[in-house]
Every structure is written in C-alpha cells, then in structure tokens.
Protein backbone atom coordinates (compact mmCIF):
# COMPACT_ATOMS: atom_id res chain seq x y z
CA UNK A 1 14.16 166.94 119.36
CA UNK A 2 11.57 164.61 120.25
CA UNK A 3 10.40 165.26 123.57
CA UNK A 4 10.82 163.50 126.80
CA UNK A 5 7.96 161.26 126.97
CA UNK A 6 5.53 159.65 130.06
CA UNK A 7 3.95 157.57 127.59
CA UNK A 8 5.17 153.94 128.79
CA UNK A 9 2.51 151.94 126.63
CA UNK A 10 4.12 152.99 123.54
CA UNK A 11 7.56 152.97 124.77
CA UNK A 12 6.35 148.93 126.02
CA UNK A 13 4.57 147.85 122.80
CA UNK A 14 6.87 149.22 120.27
CA UNK A 15 10.18 147.83 122.05
CA UNK A 16 11.49 151.57 121.96
CA UNK A 17 15.51 150.92 122.41
CA UNK A 18 16.21 152.51 125.84
CA UNK A 19 19.47 152.94 127.34
CA UNK A 20 19.39 152.80 131.53
CA UNK A 21 21.60 155.06 133.63
CA UNK A 22 21.29 153.54 136.99
CA UNK A 23 24.37 152.01 138.46
CA UNK A 24 24.96 148.03 137.27
CA UNK A 25 23.95 147.22 141.11
CA UNK A 26 20.60 148.59 139.99
CA UNK A 27 19.99 147.30 136.84
CA UNK A 28 20.83 144.09 137.98
CA UNK A 29 18.18 143.88 140.40
CA UNK A 30 16.01 144.52 137.75
CA UNK A 31 15.58 145.97 134.49
CA UNK A 32 13.67 145.65 130.97
CA UNK A 33 13.85 143.28 128.27
CA UNK A 34 16.38 144.45 125.85
CA UNK A 35 17.82 147.95 127.70
CA UNK A 36 21.23 148.70 127.79
CA UNK A 37 22.94 149.60 131.10
CA UNK A 38 25.57 152.75 130.46
CA UNK A 39 25.17 154.32 133.47
CA UNK A 40 26.03 158.20 134.73
CA UNK A 41 27.94 156.13 137.99
CA UNK A 42 29.99 152.64 138.72
CA UNK A 43 28.76 151.41 141.39
CA UNK A 44 32.05 153.01 143.87
CA UNK A 45 31.37 156.18 142.38
CA UNK A 46 27.28 156.11 143.26
CA UNK A 47 28.16 154.54 146.80
CA UNK A 48 30.17 157.42 147.58
CA UNK A 49 27.99 159.76 145.96
CA UNK A 50 25.43 158.80 148.41
CA UNK A 51 27.58 158.47 151.74
CA UNK A 52 28.16 162.14 150.89
CA UNK A 53 24.52 163.36 150.22
CA UNK A 54 23.71 161.49 153.42
CA UNK A 55 26.61 163.43 155.22
CA UNK A 56 26.74 167.09 153.64
CA UNK A 57 23.84 167.37 151.40
CA UNK A 58 22.72 167.97 147.76
CA UNK A 59 24.90 169.98 146.61
CA UNK A 60 28.09 168.88 147.83
CA UNK A 61 27.23 164.95 146.69
CA UNK A 62 26.59 166.88 142.81
CA UNK A 63 29.93 168.67 143.39
CA UNK A 64 31.36 165.33 144.41
CA UNK A 65 29.47 163.08 141.32
CA UNK A 66 31.12 165.99 138.93
CA UNK A 67 34.74 165.11 140.26
CA UNK A 68 34.53 161.29 139.91
CA UNK A 69 32.72 161.34 136.68
CA UNK A 70 35.43 164.16 135.08
CA UNK A 71 37.55 163.94 132.51
CA UNK A 72 38.46 160.47 130.38
CA UNK A 73 36.00 159.02 132.27
CA UNK A 74 33.45 161.35 131.30
CA UNK A 75 34.07 161.43 127.71
CA UNK A 76 34.36 157.37 127.48
CA UNK A 77 30.64 157.49 128.83
CA UNK A 78 29.84 159.94 126.83
CA UNK A 79 31.19 158.48 123.99
CA UNK A 80 29.08 155.58 124.53
CA UNK A 81 25.71 157.53 124.71
CA UNK A 82 26.68 159.15 122.12
CA UNK A 83 26.85 155.72 119.98
CA UNK A 84 23.82 154.38 121.19
CA UNK A 85 21.81 156.99 120.34
CA UNK A 86 23.26 157.42 116.87
CA UNK A 87 22.43 153.83 116.63
CA UNK A 88 18.72 154.20 118.40
CA UNK A 89 17.49 157.52 117.28
CA UNK A 90 13.59 156.72 118.00
CA UNK A 91 15.42 155.43 121.81
CA UNK A 92 15.20 156.85 125.35
CA UNK A 93 17.53 157.34 127.99
CA UNK A 94 16.05 156.83 131.80
CA UNK A 95 17.33 156.77 135.49
CA UNK A 96 15.48 155.60 138.65
CA UNK A 97 13.07 158.41 139.07
CA UNK A 98 13.49 160.32 135.91
CA UNK A 99 15.52 162.78 138.01
CA UNK A 100 18.94 164.15 138.29
CA UNK A 101 20.81 161.54 136.59
CA UNK A 102 19.09 161.40 133.45
CA UNK A 103 18.91 164.90 133.32
CA UNK A 104 22.79 165.27 133.64
CA UNK A 105 23.08 162.46 130.92
CA UNK A 106 20.80 163.62 128.69
CA UNK A 107 22.45 167.51 129.02
CA UNK A 108 26.06 165.97 128.53
CA UNK A 109 24.60 164.60 125.84
CA UNK A 110 23.55 167.64 124.70
CA UNK A 111 26.92 169.51 124.95
CA UNK A 112 28.01 166.69 122.69
CA UNK A 113 25.63 167.91 120.21
CA UNK A 114 23.33 165.00 120.45
CA UNK A 115 19.72 165.75 121.84
CA UNK A 116 18.32 162.84 123.12
CA UNK A 117 14.71 162.53 124.96
CA UNK A 118 14.36 160.67 128.27
CA UNK A 119 11.57 158.75 130.08
CA UNK A 120 9.55 161.24 132.78
CA UNK A 121 9.24 159.32 135.76
CA UNK A 122 11.77 157.04 135.10
CA UNK A 123 12.44 153.49 136.24
CA UNK A 124 9.91 153.32 138.78
CA UNK A 125 7.04 154.87 136.67
CA UNK A 126 7.56 151.81 134.17
CA UNK A 127 7.68 149.40 136.59
CA UNK A 128 4.61 150.14 138.15
CA UNK A 129 2.94 150.87 134.87
CA UNK A 130 4.05 147.50 134.60
CA UNK A 131 3.14 146.15 137.67
CA UNK A 132 -0.46 148.03 137.06
CA UNK A 133 -0.80 146.22 133.47
CA UNK A 134 -1.06 142.63 134.72
CA UNK A 135 -3.48 143.67 137.53
CA UNK A 136 -5.85 144.98 135.27
CA UNK A 137 -5.75 142.24 132.85
CA UNK A 138 -6.78 139.99 136.04
CA UNK A 139 -9.69 142.19 136.99
CA UNK A 140 -10.68 142.48 133.39
CA UNK A 141 -9.78 139.47 131.19
CA UNK A 142 -11.11 135.79 131.26
CA UNK A 143 -8.35 133.25 131.89
CA UNK A 144 -8.56 128.77 131.05
CA UNK A 145 -6.15 126.71 132.79
CA UNK A 146 -4.92 124.08 130.98
CA UNK A 147 -4.25 121.28 133.41
CA UNK A 148 -2.73 117.57 133.09
CA UNK A 149 -0.40 114.74 134.32
CA UNK A 150 2.89 115.09 134.16
CA UNK A 151 4.35 114.53 130.61
CA UNK A 152 1.16 115.78 128.70
CA UNK A 153 2.87 118.76 126.24
CA UNK A 154 0.24 120.87 128.72
CA UNK A 155 3.96 123.32 127.06
CA UNK A 156 3.14 122.77 123.65
CA UNK A 157 -0.31 123.31 123.74
CA UNK A 158 0.34 126.87 125.39
CA UNK A 159 3.04 127.09 122.25
CA UNK A 160 0.08 126.43 120.19
CA UNK A 161 -1.93 129.04 120.57
CA UNK A 162 -1.78 132.69 120.02
CA UNK A 163 -3.53 133.84 123.19
CA UNK A 164 -1.34 132.45 125.68
CA UNK A 165 0.60 133.24 128.18
CA UNK A 166 3.90 130.85 128.66
CA UNK A 167 4.83 131.16 132.22
CA UNK A 168 7.39 128.50 132.50
CA UNK A 169 9.02 130.57 129.10
CA UNK A 170 8.83 133.83 130.82
CA UNK A 171 10.81 131.91 133.49
CA UNK A 172 12.75 129.88 131.67
CA UNK A 173 12.10 126.56 133.83
CA UNK A 174 9.88 123.16 133.00
CA UNK A 175 7.84 124.62 136.29
CA UNK A 176 8.77 120.75 137.94
CA UNK A 177 11.18 119.71 140.25
CA UNK A 178 13.09 118.48 137.23
CA UNK A 179 12.41 122.15 135.17
CA UNK A 180 15.83 123.66 135.13
CA UNK A 181 17.10 124.50 132.57
CA UNK A 182 20.93 124.82 130.99
CA UNK A 183 21.04 128.69 131.42
CA UNK A 184 19.57 130.24 134.57
CA UNK A 185 16.61 131.82 135.61
CA UNK A 186 15.54 136.13 135.16
CA UNK A 187 15.63 137.75 138.54
CA UNK A 188 11.47 137.93 139.98
CA UNK A 189 11.41 141.58 138.85
CA UNK A 190 12.34 141.11 135.62
CA UNK A 191 10.06 137.72 135.43
CA UNK A 192 7.41 140.20 135.98
CA UNK A 193 8.56 142.90 133.51
CA UNK A 194 8.64 140.14 130.91
CA UNK A 195 4.90 139.17 131.46
CA UNK A 196 3.68 142.20 131.91
CA UNK A 197 4.79 143.78 128.06
CA UNK A 198 3.69 140.11 127.03
CA UNK A 199 0.34 140.79 128.04
CA UNK A 200 0.05 144.31 127.24
CA UNK A 201 0.81 143.19 123.76
CA UNK A 202 -1.87 140.82 123.22
CA UNK A 203 -4.60 143.36 124.58
CA UNK A 204 -3.34 145.67 122.40
CA UNK A 205 -3.88 143.12 119.65
CA UNK A 206 -7.23 142.27 120.85
CA UNK A 207 -6.68 139.31 123.04
CA UNK A 208 -9.72 139.36 126.14
CA UNK A 209 -9.19 135.86 127.36
CA UNK A 210 -5.90 134.21 128.51
CA UNK A 211 -4.70 130.70 128.23
CA UNK A 212 -2.21 129.74 130.93
CA UNK A 213 -0.77 126.22 132.35
CA UNK A 214 -1.69 124.73 135.46
CA UNK A 215 1.49 126.16 137.80
CA UNK A 216 2.20 126.14 141.32
CA UNK A 217 3.00 129.28 142.85
CA UNK A 218 6.43 129.26 141.83
CA UNK A 219 8.05 128.44 138.75
CA UNK A 220 11.48 127.36 139.81
CA UNK A 221 12.54 130.49 141.80
CA UNK A 222 10.22 132.59 139.78
CA UNK A 223 7.15 133.54 141.70
CA UNK A 224 3.79 134.13 139.89
CA UNK A 225 2.08 137.72 140.59
CA UNK A 226 -0.24 137.32 143.84
CA UNK A 227 -3.32 138.53 141.89
CA UNK A 228 -2.55 135.93 139.05
CA UNK A 229 -1.95 132.95 141.47
CA UNK A 230 -5.05 133.31 143.49
CA UNK A 231 -7.67 133.84 140.27
CA UNK A 232 -5.85 130.88 139.25
CA UNK A 233 -7.57 128.63 141.97
CA UNK A 234 -10.82 128.83 140.68
CA UNK A 235 -10.61 129.91 136.40
CA UNK A 236 -11.80 126.97 134.38
CA UNK A 237 -10.01 124.38 133.71
CA UNK A 238 -8.99 122.15 130.31
CA UNK A 239 -7.69 118.39 130.90
CA UNK A 240 -5.03 116.99 128.88
CA UNK A 241 -5.05 113.70 127.92
CA UNK A 242 -1.94 111.16 126.34
CA UNK A 243 -0.92 107.73 127.14
CA UNK A 244 1.03 106.73 129.75
CA UNK A 245 3.89 105.69 126.85
CA UNK A 246 3.58 108.98 125.30
CA UNK A 247 4.13 110.51 128.28
CA UNK A 248 7.51 108.42 128.93
CA UNK A 249 8.54 109.61 125.77
CA UNK A 250 7.79 113.22 125.72
CA UNK A 251 9.76 113.38 129.15
CA UNK A 252 12.77 111.33 127.35
CA UNK A 253 13.03 114.11 124.87
CA UNK A 254 12.38 117.35 127.38
CA UNK A 255 14.35 116.16 130.41
CA UNK A 256 16.81 113.87 128.76
CA UNK A 257 17.65 114.32 125.17
CA UNK A 258 17.10 118.02 124.80
CA UNK A 259 18.62 119.21 128.36
CA UNK A 260 21.16 117.62 127.80
CA UNK A 261 21.78 119.14 124.18
CA UNK A 262 21.04 122.40 125.62
CA UNK A 263 24.23 121.77 128.30
CA UNK A 264 25.89 120.38 125.63
CA UNK A 265 25.56 123.43 123.27
CA UNK A 266 26.10 125.99 126.30
CA UNK A 267 28.97 123.99 128.14
CA UNK A 268 30.65 121.65 125.34
CA UNK A 269 30.32 118.18 124.87
CA UNK A 270 32.48 116.87 127.80
CA UNK A 271 31.27 119.88 130.62
CA UNK A 272 27.86 119.59 128.81
CA UNK A 273 27.42 115.97 129.70
CA UNK A 274 28.84 116.12 133.39
CA UNK A 275 26.67 119.20 134.12
CA UNK A 276 23.61 118.01 132.88
CA UNK A 277 24.17 114.98 134.95
CA UNK A 278 24.62 116.52 137.70
CA UNK A 279 21.69 118.29 137.60
CA UNK A 280 19.17 115.16 136.58
CA UNK A 281 20.83 113.46 139.77
CA UNK A 282 20.00 116.95 141.60
CA UNK A 283 16.75 117.08 140.57
CA UNK A 284 15.91 113.45 141.89
CA UNK A 285 17.85 114.68 144.97
CA UNK A 286 15.55 117.47 145.98
CA UNK A 287 12.77 114.97 145.92
CA UNK A 288 14.00 112.42 148.15
CA UNK A 289 12.04 113.22 151.40
CA UNK A 290 8.97 112.59 149.39
CA UNK A 291 10.14 109.76 147.83
CA UNK A 292 11.51 107.99 150.47
CA UNK A 293 14.59 106.01 151.34
CA UNK A 294 13.99 103.35 149.45
CA UNK A 295 12.17 104.25 146.50
CA UNK A 296 14.88 107.04 146.30
CA UNK A 297 18.06 104.37 146.44
CA UNK A 298 15.75 102.45 143.49
CA UNK A 299 15.61 105.49 141.12
CA UNK A 300 19.00 107.10 142.03
CA UNK A 301 20.88 103.28 140.87
CA UNK A 302 18.35 103.37 138.02
CA UNK A 303 19.22 106.27 136.93
CA UNK A 304 23.21 106.71 137.05
CA UNK A 305 23.19 103.40 135.16
CA UNK A 306 20.93 105.21 132.49
CA UNK A 307 23.74 107.76 132.54
CA UNK A 308 26.33 105.74 132.49
CA UNK A 309 25.24 104.06 129.48
CA UNK A 310 23.96 107.09 127.37
CA UNK A 311 27.77 108.77 128.55
CA UNK A 312 28.99 105.38 127.45
CA UNK A 313 27.12 104.72 123.92
CA UNK A 314 24.60 108.01 123.39
CA UNK A 315 21.39 105.51 123.83
CA UNK A 316 19.11 107.01 126.15
CA UNK A 317 16.66 103.60 126.13
CA UNK A 318 17.36 103.03 129.81
CA UNK A 319 16.01 106.81 130.47
CA UNK A 320 12.60 105.21 130.32
CA UNK A 321 13.09 102.65 133.40
CA UNK A 322 13.19 106.02 136.19
CA UNK A 323 10.74 107.74 134.36
CA UNK A 324 8.36 105.18 134.71
CA UNK A 325 8.87 104.53 137.80
CA UNK A 326 8.79 108.25 138.77
CA UNK A 327 5.50 108.68 136.97
CA UNK A 328 3.59 105.80 138.15
CA UNK A 329 4.94 105.86 141.86
CA UNK A 330 5.18 109.39 142.42
CA UNK A 331 4.10 111.96 140.30
CA UNK A 332 1.03 110.29 138.99
CA UNK A 333 -0.99 109.55 142.04
CA UNK A 334 -0.44 112.97 142.76
CA UNK A 335 -2.22 114.16 140.27
CA UNK A 336 -4.64 112.57 140.38
CA UNK A 337 -5.18 113.80 143.71
CA UNK A 338 -5.21 116.89 141.81
CA UNK A 339 -7.45 116.15 138.76
CA UNK A 340 -10.03 114.99 141.88
CA UNK A 341 -9.68 118.39 143.48
CA UNK A 342 -10.48 119.84 140.78
CA UNK A 343 -13.05 117.96 139.35
CA UNK A 344 -15.89 120.96 139.25
CA UNK A 345 -14.01 123.34 137.24
CA UNK A 346 -13.08 120.79 134.13
CA UNK A 347 -14.43 122.08 131.28
CA UNK A 348 -13.41 119.57 128.66
CA UNK A 349 -11.02 116.94 128.47
CA UNK A 350 -8.90 115.37 125.34
CA UNK A 351 -5.77 114.94 123.98
CA UNK A 352 -3.78 117.89 122.05
CA UNK A 353 -5.23 117.91 119.22
CA UNK A 354 -8.75 117.91 120.49
CA UNK A 355 -7.20 120.19 123.68
CA UNK A 356 -6.20 122.96 121.35
CA UNK A 357 -9.13 122.77 118.92
CA UNK A 358 -11.40 123.57 121.73
CA UNK A 359 -9.43 126.35 123.08
CA UNK A 360 -8.90 128.02 119.52
CA UNK A 361 -12.95 127.53 119.40
CA UNK A 362 -13.27 129.07 122.72
CA UNK A 363 -10.85 132.10 122.05
CA UNK A 364 -12.95 133.00 118.87
CA UNK A 365 -16.20 132.61 120.95
CA UNK A 366 -14.92 135.04 123.70
C-alpha cells in the first residue's frame, strides 16, 4: 500500500483523485476541484453523533456512529468507497482534520480487502496549504494588470497568455453588472481553491510574473483574496483600447448572442430565452439607481424592444441601441475617470494584438 500523505503540493500539482469522507453539508461549504463526496455519515447521522459527543463524550459518540452506520448502510458505503479506490489506485481519502472519520473509512476499506491511503491533516490542512500558496505568490511574484473600457476584450487578452490568472473564469462571472452566466458561481471557498491551484501549477511550471484583468473586489459574489486585491491597486497597468464600434460588437456577442445560447443550452429553447431575457432585464434593473430614473426607462424600453424582436425573428441588431446608450452614458464616463486616476501606473496602451505582444515580451524578459 502507498503511504498516507501530507505532500499537498504533489496532490494538487498532479490532480490526485480524492474522495471526501465529510458529510454533504460540509462538502457543499467548500471542496477541491474534481473531488467526490463519499461520506462516512450523512448530515442527519453526523448531527446525531455531534449532539451525543457534546452530551456524553467521545466514546458514546463513536458507539452511536457505529450503530447508525451498520448493516446494509455500511455495506453500501463501503461498496462505494471500494469502487472509487479500484477506479483510482493513485488516489487518497480524507475527512476534515484527517482524524477519526478518515481512519474509520480507511479501516473499513482494509477489512474489505483494500488498503487505501488517507491525507494526513485532511481538508483543513490542504485548505491552509492553498491559502498560503496564494499569499506566497502575492509576496514573491510580479503582477501586471490589464485594464480598459468595457468591451475592449480584456478577457480575450487573458486567455491568449500562458501566464495569466483568469479571475472571471474561476468565478464563472464576467465581472460587470451584466456578468452573470447561465450556470451559477462557485462558492467563495471553491473559488479561492481553484485560484490557488492555478497559481501553484503555474509557479511549478516556472511562471514568475502573472497577468490579471482589472477587477473590483467582488467578481459577482466571489471576493478576491484581500492581499491580492490590495496589490492590484498598485501593480503596473497595461491599457487595452478598441474602437467604439468594435466594443459594441463584442458586447453584443458576449452578453446577447453567447449568453442567450448558454441559457438555451442549459434550459431549452423556450425556457432558455425567457430566462435569458429576465437576466438581461434584471441586470439593467440592478444599476437603475446609478442610471437615474429617466435614463433607466429609456434603456429599458430599448432593451425590451430588442428582446421582443430577437424572440420574434432571431435578429439581435436592435440590441446595439441599448448597448451604445449604456456605454456612452454610463460605462465610458466611469472608465474615463478610472483611467485618469490610474494613469501614473499605465506603462503601455494599445489595441489587442499590440497588448498581447507587449505582455508576452514582458513575460519573456521577467
């Protein structure tokens, strides 16, 4: 049998398969990418054992746990663990702290004829390792930020670079008031774990300088790690430029055509379009106070007409009207102010191809 492991770096760098023996409620609060939840106890059983522990102590709690998970229930769970172990011979099991639950799981597997290693320190130790990974990168690496007006294609620049951290990708959100996707966002802990594993793998591959898109502290509901966000207020900035017409077309593609297609793929044609239209209208409503009543009503009327025409004929041309209005009257004045305030940090400005070339050269010289 392979030994129990505390080599968290190896586990995450090599995407070792893992089964999580914690209860489902714990798993839902935060987990690691690709991990399968095969709990020793379900939520109800865990609650009963926890109550017993508080009232009668550890021995009574352990005895109750064995009573609750016995017979057919135990057989079913051991069978699921065995199937996982056989399908993933290079994997591990873990619980919250690497203690009693993972030890019992490991022992029952052994009794079923399978020796399977567990992660020493469990979820808590691996989570701490990932948090420290991000902190170390902030302290030891260089960072550069890609900024620019709404619709210039900052995400396209990020995706074209091998040394970028796609914050919006990890958060499953486009970052703006209109940035919600058809599928939901990960929880905060899951977002932080994904980001840390990305950092770990890139640093292992030799990356010393990372490129980030300029973001606020929140990407949808996901909050950037505080130390990283604080650093982003001072990192050098590369400013991406594009024509007004080019920006309108990009927004039309991202926030209308592609977003509608996402909803249709997830929910079907009729429900998908209805939910897409609701999302677009809600996104506009979310900035109603900042737009002001009259301007909001004008954009709402324009957006509703565009949605009606899109639903009737499939034509999206009318959406350009509200996109142009929103850019001119809302986003551009806001970004003009931001560019002015950040101008001392801007070390290069240009259109997409030039910015990508500059950032690749910057990485080569890092």
